[in-house]
Amino acid sequence: MNFKHLRYFWVVAKAGGVMRAGEQLHTTPQTLSGQIKLFEDWIGHKLFRKVGRRLELTEQGRVALDYAEEIFALGAALETAVRHKRGERRTLDFRVGVADSVAKSVVYQLLEPALDGPEPVRMICHEGKHDELLAQLALHRLDLVIADERVSSKVSVRAFNHSLGRSPMTFFCSTALRGRLEGAFPQCLDGAPLLVQGSTSSVRRQLDPWLVRHRLRPRIVGEFDDTALMNAFGREGRGVFMSPSVLEAQIAAQYGVEVLGRSDELVEEFFAISVERRISHPSVAAITRVARSKLFHA
């Protein structure tokens, strides 16, 4: 492949026409048109069609553009990774995926040690669904995934679970709502408004059986993938909500809520998932070391 032709195609596609692309590339429209014609001949498909005065991508053109975007993004990443001034310390890219079911306050405390190592680190965080992040990990687009569940043996991804720790759950509510609840915990939850994590959360899947065991029938008034949003509703007295006990003091202070009770039966576990059986990435090593020795040590 002639990457010069690919670049000309990419710029024309982004600019929407050869005139504007020619201005960006400091070349004539005739030269551009000729180079793109050579590229189309090599690929064997028309990549553009004329619509009035502008160019529109064909179906094959859209496919080619997707690949071109990725190729030139990787080229920019390569340049950033290897080019630095003589004597300057190289910045280490650390690409981490965060499952959207994990509380962001926990994520911050888990990831913070990665920035305190001997090498400068640029952290690149992506949030998403557990399975989507594992797919990115398998393609080596991520160095690590932070999740609240293990990689299942049924998933066709070669990855390893590194346990970071586990935390029981604490139930919180506003002072005004506590005054309307009757009895001690957990009986006070019977008939109470309840705000819960989304269905993808591991602790959410534990909650229903726990409620049945304790013969509790609260009113679930809200279900949230974003735990910070759930906590905000809880602060306003819209319902009782729960969070990992490792965040208990922080949640109470930040949202001005009371601790209603705790349960050791409801447990959220946290994992660092990587393609490495033995951890070698310095940022991952820092995360696992601090999580095990400090954050979840108690």
Protein backbone atom coordinates (compact mmCIF):
# COMPACT_ATOMS: atom_id res chain seq x y z
CA MET A 1 0.00 0.00 0.00
CA ASN A 2 1.15 3.53 -0.80
CA PHE A 3 0.58 5.34 2.51
CA LYS A 4 0.94 8.71 0.80
CA HIS A 5 -2.13 7.86 -1.29
CA LEU A 6 -3.93 6.68 1.86
CA ARG A 7 -3.14 9.97 3.59
CA TYR A 8 -4.44 12.00 0.64
CA PHE A 9 -7.67 9.96 0.69
CA TRP A 10 -7.98 10.45 4.47
CA VAL A 11 -7.56 14.24 4.28
CA VAL A 12 -10.02 14.58 1.36
CA ALA A 13 -12.60 12.45 3.19
CA LYS A 14 -12.23 14.55 6.36
CA ALA A 15 -12.28 17.85 4.44
CA GLY A 16 -15.25 16.90 2.25
CA GLY A 17 -13.61 17.83 -1.05
CA VAL A 18 -10.35 18.19 -2.96
CA MET A 19 -10.29 22.01 -2.90
CA ARG A 20 -10.24 22.29 0.89
CA ALA A 21 -7.96 19.24 1.22
CA GLY A 22 -5.55 20.78 -1.30
CA GLU A 23 -5.29 23.91 0.87
CA GLN A 24 -4.46 21.78 3.91
CA LEU A 25 -1.89 19.68 2.06
CA HIS A 26 -0.46 22.61 0.05
CA THR A 27 -1.02 20.82 -3.24
CA THR A 28 -3.26 21.30 -6.28
CA PRO A 29 -6.72 19.69 -6.63
CA GLN A 30 -5.54 18.08 -9.87
CA THR A 31 -2.65 16.36 -8.09
CA LEU A 32 -4.94 15.16 -5.33
CA SER A 33 -7.52 13.80 -7.76
CA GLY A 34 -4.80 11.92 -9.63
CA GLN A 35 -3.36 10.40 -6.45
CA ILE A 36 -6.80 9.29 -5.22
CA LYS A 37 -7.53 7.75 -8.64
CA LEU A 38 -4.33 5.68 -8.28
CA PHE A 39 -5.42 4.63 -4.78
CA GLU A 40 -8.89 3.61 -6.05
CA ASP A 41 -7.28 1.60 -8.86
CA TRP A 42 -5.09 -0.21 -6.31
CA ILE A 43 -8.06 -0.98 -3.99
CA GLY A 44 -10.34 -1.90 -6.87
CA HIS A 45 -13.31 0.21 -5.77
CA LYS A 46 -14.58 3.74 -6.10
CA LEU A 47 -14.15 5.50 -2.75
CA PHE A 48 -16.03 8.73 -3.57
CA ARG A 49 -19.07 9.74 -5.59
CA LYS A 50 -20.03 13.26 -6.62
CA VAL A 51 -23.13 14.75 -5.04
CA GLY A 52 -23.56 18.24 -6.47
CA ARG A 53 -20.30 20.07 -5.83
CA ARG A 54 -19.16 17.93 -2.97
CA LEU A 55 -17.73 14.42 -2.62
CA GLU A 56 -19.51 11.72 -0.68
CA LEU A 57 -17.97 8.46 0.51
CA THR A 58 -19.17 5.21 -1.05
CA GLU A 59 -19.77 2.18 1.17
CA GLN A 60 -16.21 0.99 0.43
CA GLY A 61 -14.98 4.53 1.10
CA ARG A 62 -16.51 4.48 4.59
CA VAL A 63 -14.79 1.16 5.33
CA ALA A 64 -11.47 2.56 4.08
CA LEU A 65 -11.93 5.71 6.19
CA ASP A 66 -12.47 3.67 9.36
CA TYR A 67 -9.17 1.87 8.79
CA ALA A 68 -7.38 5.08 7.84
CA GLU A 69 -8.56 6.75 11.07
CA GLU A 70 -7.12 3.88 13.10
CA ILE A 71 -3.87 3.75 11.13
CA PHE A 72 -3.13 7.46 11.52
CA ALA A 73 -4.20 7.45 15.19
CA LEU A 74 -1.69 4.65 15.80
CA GLY A 75 0.92 6.64 13.88
CA ALA A 76 0.34 9.65 16.14
CA ALA A 77 0.55 7.40 19.21
CA LEU A 78 3.82 5.93 17.92
CA GLU A 79 5.28 9.40 17.43
CA THR A 80 4.24 10.45 20.93
CA ALA A 81 5.67 7.26 22.43
CA VAL A 82 9.13 7.31 20.86
CA ARG A 83 9.92 10.97 20.22
CA HIS A 84 11.28 12.89 23.18
CA LYS A 85 14.12 15.27 23.81
CA ARG A 86 17.55 13.90 24.62
CA GLY A 87 17.86 13.38 28.37
CA GLU A 88 14.10 13.76 28.86
CA ARG A 89 12.38 10.98 30.81
CA ARG A 90 9.96 8.99 28.70
CA THR A 91 6.29 9.15 29.70
CA LEU A 92 4.69 5.74 30.14
CA ASP A 93 1.18 5.39 28.71
CA PHE A 94 -1.15 3.46 31.01
CA ARG A 95 -4.45 2.53 29.34
CA VAL A 96 -7.07 1.35 31.78
CA GLY A 97 -10.70 0.33 31.30
CA VAL A 98 -13.17 0.83 34.15
CA ALA A 99 -16.38 -1.20 34.35
CA ASP A 100 -19.29 1.23 34.67
CA SER A 101 -20.65 -0.77 37.62
CA VAL A 102 -17.68 0.13 39.86
CA ALA A 103 -18.06 3.19 42.13
CA LYS A 104 -15.83 5.97 40.82
CA SER A 105 -14.65 6.87 44.33
CA VAL A 106 -13.22 3.36 44.63
CA VAL A 107 -11.72 3.61 41.14
CA TYR A 108 -9.90 6.82 42.07
CA GLN A 109 -8.38 5.27 45.18
CA LEU A 110 -7.34 2.20 43.19
CA LEU A 111 -5.76 4.12 40.30
CA GLU A 112 -4.10 6.96 42.20
CA PRO A 113 -0.95 4.95 43.11
CA ALA A 114 -0.25 4.44 39.39
CA LEU A 115 0.64 8.15 39.14
CA ASP A 116 3.12 8.07 42.01
CA GLY A 117 5.71 5.71 40.52
CA PRO A 118 9.31 6.54 39.58
CA GLU A 119 8.41 7.01 35.88
CA PRO A 120 6.12 9.77 34.55
CA VAL A 121 2.76 8.21 33.62
CA ARG A 122 -0.01 9.39 31.30
CA MET A 123 -3.19 7.61 32.36
CA ILE A 124 -5.83 7.03 29.65
CA CYS A 125 -9.15 5.88 31.15
CA HIS A 126 -12.10 4.36 29.32
CA GLU A 127 -15.43 3.47 30.93
CA GLY A 128 -17.66 0.76 29.55
CA LYS A 129 -19.44 -2.54 29.96
CA HIS A 130 -17.44 -5.46 31.34
CA ASP A 131 -17.54 -7.58 28.15
CA GLU A 132 -16.69 -4.64 25.88
CA LEU A 133 -13.63 -3.78 27.98
CA LEU A 134 -12.44 -7.40 27.93
CA ALA A 135 -12.60 -7.34 24.14
CA GLN A 136 -10.41 -4.23 24.10
CA LEU A 137 -8.02 -5.89 26.55
CA ALA A 138 -7.75 -8.94 24.28
CA LEU A 139 -6.75 -6.64 21.39
CA HIS A 140 -4.08 -5.06 23.62
CA ARG A 141 -5.80 -1.68 23.44
CA LEU A 142 -5.95 -1.67 27.25
CA ASP A 143 -3.28 -2.57 29.80
CA LEU A 144 -5.77 -3.23 32.60
CA VAL A 145 -9.48 -3.52 33.39
CA ILE A 146 -10.87 -2.60 36.82
CA ALA A 147 -14.03 -4.61 37.49
CA ASP A 148 -16.26 -5.96 40.25
CA GLU A 149 -16.41 -9.47 38.80
CA ARG A 150 -13.97 -12.08 37.56
CA VAL A 151 -13.39 -13.04 33.96
CA SER A 152 -15.60 -16.06 33.42
CA SER A 153 -14.03 -19.24 32.09
CA LYS A 154 -16.83 -19.22 29.51
CA VAL A 155 -15.47 -15.99 27.97
CA SER A 156 -13.08 -16.63 25.07
CA VAL A 157 -10.57 -14.05 26.26
CA ARG A 158 -7.16 -15.02 27.62
CA ALA A 159 -6.99 -12.82 30.69
CA PHE A 160 -6.07 -13.22 34.35
CA ASN A 161 -7.87 -12.05 37.50
CA HIS A 162 -5.79 -10.28 40.14
CA SER A 163 -7.87 -9.82 43.28
CA LEU A 164 -7.48 -6.34 44.79
CA GLY A 165 -9.74 -6.78 47.80
CA ARG A 166 -13.33 -6.91 48.95
CA SER A 167 -15.64 -4.72 51.01
CA PRO A 168 -18.94 -5.33 52.82
CA MET A 169 -21.74 -2.88 52.09
CA THR A 170 -23.06 0.04 54.16
CA PHE A 171 -26.60 1.42 53.83
CA PHE A 172 -27.08 5.20 53.99
CA CYS A 173 -30.01 7.62 54.04
CA SER A 174 -30.72 11.28 54.74
CA THR A 175 -31.53 12.38 58.29
CA ALA A 176 -35.08 13.30 57.25
CA LEU A 177 -35.72 9.88 55.75
CA ARG A 178 -34.25 8.10 58.79
CA GLY A 179 -36.85 9.81 60.94
CA ARG A 180 -39.64 8.21 58.88
CA LEU A 181 -38.25 4.66 58.97
CA GLU A 182 -39.46 2.32 61.69
CA GLY A 183 -37.39 -0.21 63.63
CA ALA A 184 -33.77 -1.26 63.62
CA PHE A 185 -31.69 -2.25 60.61
CA PRO A 186 -32.38 -4.22 58.46
CA GLN A 187 -36.10 -4.46 59.37
CA CYS A 188 -36.44 -0.71 58.80
CA LEU A 189 -35.96 -1.37 55.05
CA ASP A 190 -39.32 -3.13 54.81
CA GLY A 191 -41.54 -0.79 52.76
CA ALA A 192 -38.79 1.86 52.60
CA PRO A 193 -37.83 3.60 49.32
CA LEU A 194 -34.63 2.02 48.00
CA LEU A 195 -32.11 3.21 45.41
CA VAL A 196 -30.05 0.39 43.90
CA GLN A 197 -27.14 -0.21 41.56
CA GLY A 198 -27.80 -1.25 37.95
CA SER A 199 -28.32 -4.86 36.94
CA THR A 200 -24.71 -5.25 35.73
CA SER A 201 -23.33 -4.63 39.22
CA SER A 202 -22.25 -7.76 41.12
CA VAL A 203 -23.65 -6.45 44.40
CA ARG A 204 -27.01 -5.76 42.75
CA ARG A 205 -27.29 -9.45 41.89
CA GLN A 206 -26.70 -10.29 45.57
CA LEU A 207 -29.34 -7.86 46.83
CA ASP A 208 -32.56 -9.63 45.79
CA PRO A 209 -31.70 -12.96 47.52
CA TRP A 210 -30.56 -10.99 50.61
CA LEU A 211 -33.91 -9.18 50.78
CA VAL A 212 -35.77 -12.51 50.47
CA ARG A 213 -33.69 -14.10 53.26
CA HIS A 214 -34.52 -11.21 55.58
CA ARG A 215 -38.18 -11.09 54.46
CA LEU A 216 -37.89 -7.48 53.37
CA ARG A 217 -39.97 -5.84 50.66
CA PRO A 218 -38.68 -2.31 50.07
CA ARG A 219 -39.95 -0.08 47.24
CA ILE A 220 -37.21 0.16 44.61
CA VAL A 221 -37.69 3.72 43.35
CA GLY A 222 -34.51 4.02 41.28
CA GLU A 223 -31.89 1.85 39.57
CA PHE A 224 -28.60 3.47 38.53
CA ASP A 225 -25.54 2.49 36.52
CA ASP A 226 -23.90 5.69 37.78
CA THR A 227 -23.39 5.33 41.54
CA ALA A 228 -22.57 9.02 41.97
CA LEU A 229 -26.02 9.87 40.59
CA MET A 230 -27.60 7.32 42.92
CA ASN A 231 -25.80 8.90 45.88
CA ALA A 232 -27.04 12.35 44.84
CA PHE A 233 -30.65 11.13 44.89
CA GLY A 234 -29.99 9.55 48.27
CA ARG A 235 -28.65 12.84 49.62
CA GLU A 236 -31.95 14.49 48.73
CA GLY A 237 -33.90 11.91 50.73
CA ARG A 238 -35.29 10.01 47.74
CA GLY A 239 -34.32 6.64 49.16
CA VAL A 240 -31.92 4.44 51.08
CA PHE A 241 -28.79 3.53 49.12
CA MET A 242 -25.73 1.38 49.68
CA SER A 243 -22.04 1.74 48.99
CA PRO A 244 -18.87 -0.24 49.81
CA SER A 245 -18.00 0.18 53.49
CA VAL A 246 -14.46 1.13 52.50
CA LEU A 247 -16.02 4.46 51.40
CA GLU A 248 -18.24 4.87 54.48
CA ALA A 249 -16.57 7.93 56.01
CA GLN A 250 -16.18 9.62 52.62
CA ILE A 251 -19.84 9.06 51.60
CA ALA A 252 -21.19 10.28 54.94
CA ALA A 253 -19.09 13.46 54.81
CA GLN A 254 -19.55 14.21 51.10
CA TYR A 255 -23.33 13.69 50.95
CA GLY A 256 -24.29 14.59 54.52
CA VAL A 257 -26.09 11.29 55.10
CA GLU A 258 -26.37 8.87 58.03
CA VAL A 259 -25.17 5.29 58.26
CA LEU A 260 -28.32 3.18 58.52
CA GLY A 261 -26.60 -0.17 58.89
CA ARG A 262 -24.05 -2.60 57.49
CA SER A 263 -24.16 -6.08 56.02
CA ASP A 264 -21.30 -8.57 55.77
CA GLU A 265 -23.53 -10.77 53.59
CA LEU A 266 -23.44 -8.23 50.77
CA VAL A 267 -19.88 -7.98 49.52
CA GLU A 268 -18.35 -6.15 46.58
CA GLU A 269 -15.08 -7.58 45.31
CA PHE A 270 -12.66 -5.70 43.06
CA PHE A 271 -10.35 -7.14 40.42
CA ALA A 272 -7.53 -5.95 38.23
CA ILE A 273 -7.81 -7.94 35.00
CA SER A 274 -4.82 -8.12 32.67
CA VAL A 275 -3.36 -10.31 29.96
CA GLU A 276 -0.36 -10.93 32.23
CA ARG A 277 -0.35 -13.93 34.54
CA ARG A 278 2.50 -12.35 36.49
CA ILE A 279 2.22 -8.59 36.78
CA SER A 280 5.10 -6.71 35.15
CA HIS A 281 3.57 -3.34 34.19
CA PRO A 282 4.79 -0.90 36.90
CA SER A 283 1.44 0.92 37.13
CA VAL A 284 -0.49 -2.32 37.59
CA ALA A 285 2.02 -3.48 40.20
CA ALA A 286 1.57 -0.21 42.14
CA ILE A 287 -2.24 -0.53 42.05
CA THR A 288 -2.29 -4.11 43.33
CA ARG A 289 0.31 -3.44 46.03
CA VAL A 290 -1.46 -0.40 47.54
CA ALA A 291 -4.95 -1.93 47.24
CA ARG A 292 -3.93 -5.05 49.14
CA SER A 293 -1.73 -3.39 51.75
CA LYS A 294 -3.73 -0.22 52.48
CA LEU A 295 -7.16 0.26 50.88
CA PHE A 296 -8.61 -3.18 51.67
CA HIS A 297 -6.14 -4.23 54.36
CA ALA A 298 -8.58 -3.71 57.26
